[in-house]
Protein backbone atom coordinates (compact mmCIF):
# COMPACT_ATOMS: atom_id res chain seq x y z
CA UNK A 1 95.85 123.61 121.41
CA UNK A 2 99.31 122.21 122.39
CA UNK A 3 100.94 119.86 119.89
CA UNK A 4 103.66 117.24 120.25
CA UNK A 5 105.89 116.12 117.39
CA UNK A 6 106.12 112.34 117.04
CA UNK A 7 109.02 110.92 115.04
CA UNK A 8 108.95 107.77 112.94
CA UNK A 9 112.06 106.08 111.56
CA UNK A 10 112.37 102.84 109.65
CA UNK A 11 115.70 101.11 108.98
CA UNK A 12 116.06 99.95 105.37
CA UNK A 13 117.78 96.68 104.45
CA UNK A 14 119.44 95.47 101.26
CA UNK A 15 119.91 98.94 99.78
CA UNK A 16 122.88 101.06 98.79
CA UNK A 17 123.44 104.79 98.37
CA UNK A 18 121.30 104.88 95.23
CA UNK A 19 118.20 104.67 97.46
CA UNK A 20 118.77 108.34 98.24
CA UNK A 21 117.51 109.09 94.70
CA UNK A 22 114.04 107.87 95.60
CA UNK A 23 111.41 110.56 96.11
CA UNK A 24 108.62 109.56 98.48
CA UNK A 25 105.25 111.21 99.02
CA UNK A 26 103.75 112.44 102.31
CA UNK A 27 107.01 114.14 103.34
CA UNK A 28 108.89 110.89 103.96
CA UNK A 29 112.65 111.47 103.77
CA UNK A 30 115.46 108.97 103.22
CA UNK A 31 118.76 109.60 104.98
CA UNK A 32 122.07 107.85 105.46
CA UNK A 33 124.05 107.70 108.70
CA UNK A 34 127.37 106.16 109.59
CA UNK A 35 127.40 103.46 112.23
CA UNK A 36 128.79 105.97 114.74
CA UNK A 37 126.05 108.48 113.95
CA UNK A 38 123.29 105.87 114.23
CA UNK A 39 124.54 104.04 117.31
CA UNK A 40 123.52 106.72 119.83
CA UNK A 41 119.90 106.89 118.69
CA UNK A 42 119.52 103.14 118.17
CA UNK A 43 121.01 102.37 121.58
CA UNK A 44 118.36 104.55 123.25
CA UNK A 45 115.56 103.02 121.23
CA UNK A 46 116.79 99.47 121.83
CA UNK A 47 117.86 99.94 125.43
CA UNK A 48 121.35 98.65 124.64
CA UNK A 49 124.77 100.21 125.16
CA UNK A 50 125.88 102.24 122.14
CA UNK A 51 129.12 100.30 121.76
CA UNK A 52 127.14 97.08 121.32
CA UNK A 53 124.08 98.11 119.36
CA UNK A 54 125.58 98.02 115.85
CA UNK A 55 127.08 94.59 116.35
CA UNK A 56 123.83 93.30 117.81
CA UNK A 57 121.56 94.58 115.07
CA UNK A 58 123.78 94.16 112.02
CA UNK A 59 125.96 91.16 112.86
CA UNK A 60 123.53 89.08 114.90
CA UNK A 61 119.92 90.08 114.30
CA UNK A 62 119.87 91.58 110.80
CA UNK A 63 122.94 90.88 108.64
CA UNK A 64 120.82 92.11 105.70
CA UNK A 65 121.67 95.71 106.63
CA UNK A 66 124.31 97.67 104.75
CA UNK A 67 127.84 96.35 104.78
CA UNK A 68 129.22 99.79 103.94
CA UNK A 69 129.30 100.84 107.62
CA UNK A 70 126.27 102.98 106.84
CA UNK A 71 122.61 102.70 107.75
CA UNK A 72 119.86 103.95 105.46
CA UNK A 73 116.64 105.05 107.09
CA UNK A 74 113.31 106.54 106.13
CA UNK A 75 111.78 109.10 108.48
CA UNK A 76 108.73 111.28 108.97
CA UNK A 77 107.43 113.57 111.72
CA UNK A 78 103.78 114.14 112.54
CA UNK A 79 101.93 116.13 115.18
CA UNK A 80 99.46 114.95 117.83
CA UNK A 81 97.29 116.68 120.41
CA UNK A 82 99.60 116.79 123.42
CA UNK A 83 96.90 116.66 126.12
CA UNK A 84 95.14 113.64 124.60
CA UNK A 85 98.52 112.08 123.85
CA UNK A 86 99.67 112.34 127.49
CA UNK A 87 96.32 111.06 128.74
CA UNK A 88 96.60 107.95 126.57
CA UNK A 89 100.14 107.28 127.82
CA UNK A 90 99.12 107.76 131.46
CA UNK A 91 96.38 105.17 130.92
CA UNK A 92 98.89 102.73 129.47
CA UNK A 93 97.43 103.06 125.98
CA UNK A 94 99.09 103.63 122.65
CA UNK A 95 97.82 106.97 121.30
CA UNK A 96 95.27 106.54 118.51
CA UNK A 97 97.21 108.96 116.30
CA UNK A 98 100.13 106.50 116.12
CA UNK A 99 97.84 103.59 115.24
CA UNK A 100 96.20 105.70 112.52
CA UNK A 101 99.56 106.87 111.17
CA UNK A 102 100.95 103.33 111.08
CA UNK A 103 97.93 102.06 109.20
CA UNK A 104 97.56 104.95 106.74
CA UNK A 105 101.17 105.84 105.99
CA UNK A 106 103.20 102.69 106.68
CA UNK A 107 100.93 99.74 105.89
CA UNK A 108 98.96 101.47 103.13
CA UNK A 109 101.70 103.58 101.55
CA UNK A 110 105.32 102.90 102.43
CA UNK A 111 105.28 99.08 102.46
CA UNK A 112 103.31 98.88 99.19
CA UNK A 113 105.91 101.21 97.63
CA UNK A 114 108.65 98.72 98.51
CA UNK A 115 106.53 95.92 97.02
CA UNK A 116 106.18 97.87 93.78
CA UNK A 117 109.91 98.50 93.73
CA UNK A 118 110.61 94.76 93.92
CA UNK A 119 108.23 94.27 90.98
CA UNK A 120 109.99 96.97 89.00
CA UNK A 121 113.47 95.58 89.55
CA UNK A 122 115.08 92.69 91.37
CA UNK A 123 116.26 93.51 94.88
CA UNK A 124 115.14 92.60 98.37
CA UNK A 125 114.44 96.09 99.70
CA UNK A 126 112.60 95.91 103.01
CA UNK A 127 112.22 97.64 106.38
CA UNK A 128 112.84 95.15 109.22
CA UNK A 129 112.91 97.77 112.01
CA UNK A 130 110.67 100.72 112.73
CA UNK A 131 110.42 103.02 115.73
CA UNK A 132 108.15 105.73 117.12
CA UNK A 133 109.49 108.19 119.67
CA UNK A 134 109.36 111.81 120.79
CA UNK A 135 111.40 114.24 122.85
CA UNK A 136 110.24 115.59 126.20
CA UNK A 137 112.53 118.40 127.38
CA UNK A 138 115.24 117.05 125.06
CA UNK A 139 114.93 113.57 126.58
CA UNK A 140 114.11 110.81 124.11
CA UNK A 141 110.94 108.93 125.02
CA UNK A 142 110.48 105.64 123.21
CA UNK A 143 106.90 104.78 122.23
CA UNK A 144 106.86 101.76 119.95
CA UNK A 145 109.26 99.41 118.16
CA UNK A 146 108.63 96.81 115.51
CA UNK A 147 111.11 94.06 114.65
CA UNK A 148 110.24 91.95 111.64
CA UNK A 149 110.47 88.38 112.80
CA UNK A 150 110.59 86.39 109.58
CA UNK A 151 113.67 85.60 107.54
CA UNK A 152 115.21 88.43 105.51
CA UNK A 153 117.71 87.43 102.85
CA UNK A 154 120.98 89.32 102.63
CA UNK A 155 120.69 89.66 98.87
CA UNK A 156 119.99 90.73 96.22
CA UNK A 157 120.69 94.35 97.10
CA UNK A 158 118.38 96.95 95.59
CA UNK A 159 120.27 99.47 93.48
CA UNK A 160 118.77 102.21 91.30
CA UNK A 161 120.56 103.37 88.17
CA UNK A 162 120.27 107.01 87.10
CA UNK A 163 118.46 106.02 83.90
CA UNK A 164 115.88 104.03 85.89
CA UNK A 165 114.72 106.59 88.43
CA UNK A 166 112.13 108.36 86.23
CA UNK A 167 110.56 105.07 85.15
CA UNK A 168 110.62 103.80 88.74
CA UNK A 169 108.76 106.85 90.03
CA UNK A 170 106.18 106.47 87.25
CA UNK A 171 105.76 102.76 87.99
CA UNK A 172 105.20 103.45 91.70
CA UNK A 173 102.63 106.13 90.90
CA UNK A 174 100.73 104.18 88.25
CA UNK A 175 100.67 100.73 89.88
CA UNK A 176 97.77 100.24 92.29
CA UNK A 177 97.91 97.59 95.02
CA UNK A 178 96.22 95.29 95.70
CA UNK A 179 95.58 94.32 92.10
CA UNK A 180 91.90 94.17 91.19
CA UNK A 181 92.41 90.97 89.21
CA UNK A 182 92.54 88.12 91.76
CA UNK A 183 94.88 86.01 89.62
CA UNK A 184 97.36 88.87 89.33
CA UNK A 185 97.15 89.57 93.07
CA UNK A 186 97.78 85.90 93.90
CA UNK A 187 100.80 85.89 91.60
CA UNK A 188 102.13 89.03 93.29
CA UNK A 189 101.65 87.57 96.79
CA UNK A 190 103.67 84.46 95.89
CA UNK A 191 106.34 86.59 94.24
CA UNK A 192 106.57 88.70 97.40
CA UNK A 193 106.62 85.56 99.57
CA UNK A 194 109.68 84.25 97.75
CA UNK A 195 111.78 87.01 99.32
CA UNK A 196 110.86 85.93 102.86
CA UNK A 197 111.56 82.20 102.65
CA UNK A 198 114.92 81.07 103.94
CA UNK A 199 114.94 77.75 102.08
CA UNK A 200 116.05 78.42 98.49
CA UNK A 201 114.07 75.49 97.10
CA UNK A 202 110.85 76.69 98.71
CA UNK A 203 111.58 80.23 97.54
CA UNK A 204 111.98 78.89 94.01
CA UNK A 205 108.70 77.01 94.38
CA UNK A 206 106.89 80.21 95.41
CA UNK A 207 108.22 81.89 92.26
CA UNK A 208 107.04 78.97 90.12
CA UNK A 209 103.56 79.20 91.67
CA UNK A 210 103.57 82.91 90.90
CA UNK A 211 104.56 82.27 87.29
CA UNK A 212 102.05 79.46 86.86
CA UNK A 213 99.29 81.69 88.21
CA UNK A 214 100.12 84.29 85.58
CA UNK A 215 100.49 82.09 82.52
CA UNK A 216 98.08 79.25 83.27
CA UNK A 217 94.66 79.83 84.91
CA UNK A 218 93.66 77.22 87.49
CA UNK A 219 90.83 75.79 85.37
CA UNK A 220 93.25 74.52 82.73
CA UNK A 221 95.25 72.06 84.79
CA UNK A 222 98.89 72.31 85.81
CA UNK A 223 101.87 73.67 83.95
CA UNK A 224 104.57 71.06 83.43
CA UNK A 225 108.04 72.38 84.25
CA UNK A 226 110.26 69.89 82.45
CA UNK A 227 113.70 69.60 83.93
CA UNK A 228 112.75 71.40 87.15
CA UNK A 229 111.55 68.46 89.20
CA UNK A 230 115.00 67.28 90.17
CA UNK A 231 115.98 70.85 91.16
CA UNK A 232 113.17 71.28 93.72
């Protein structure tokens, strides 16, 4: 049965070289590329000239990417049945294997890992861009792109110290999302929301709602934050 290798890459934002210490399951790999190394691939995926793609993505669309003239990406390859794959494409359909992969490995594994990492330590690690593609006779064939539309802050950057990596891996493994306790899950959702709000006052408010949910159950009235009213 003929097989075709499909490639996934996601571009990571607000990270530095310490992200290379992170070990991911399911054969996900994290790599770093210089702007020059990344521009050729990204230009093909974005349909933009290579001499413009870095400026477009980093300076205009996503200034949250690395300012070290490097791009950090997470990647994984998976196989599909080539005959069924080609039939789906000829019918104008997205192959089911890609939909299944995106749901099982991105939405239900990789993105929750980043959420756990933000809980473990401050830092706005995220993945604003992701791509699916394959090669047909050495020619790149683009399948699917995803551009995160909401606001992504340019800081704080996520950085992992050597002494933290063992505890981080244990925290990722032991923490199960979503939380079974509804109050804890609601607090986590508001905490996560605070990273995606452009207005600093509203971001602060989301954090206060998260904290109030944790320390003061809804059936006991409101927590009074003295001195905070004039800051919001």
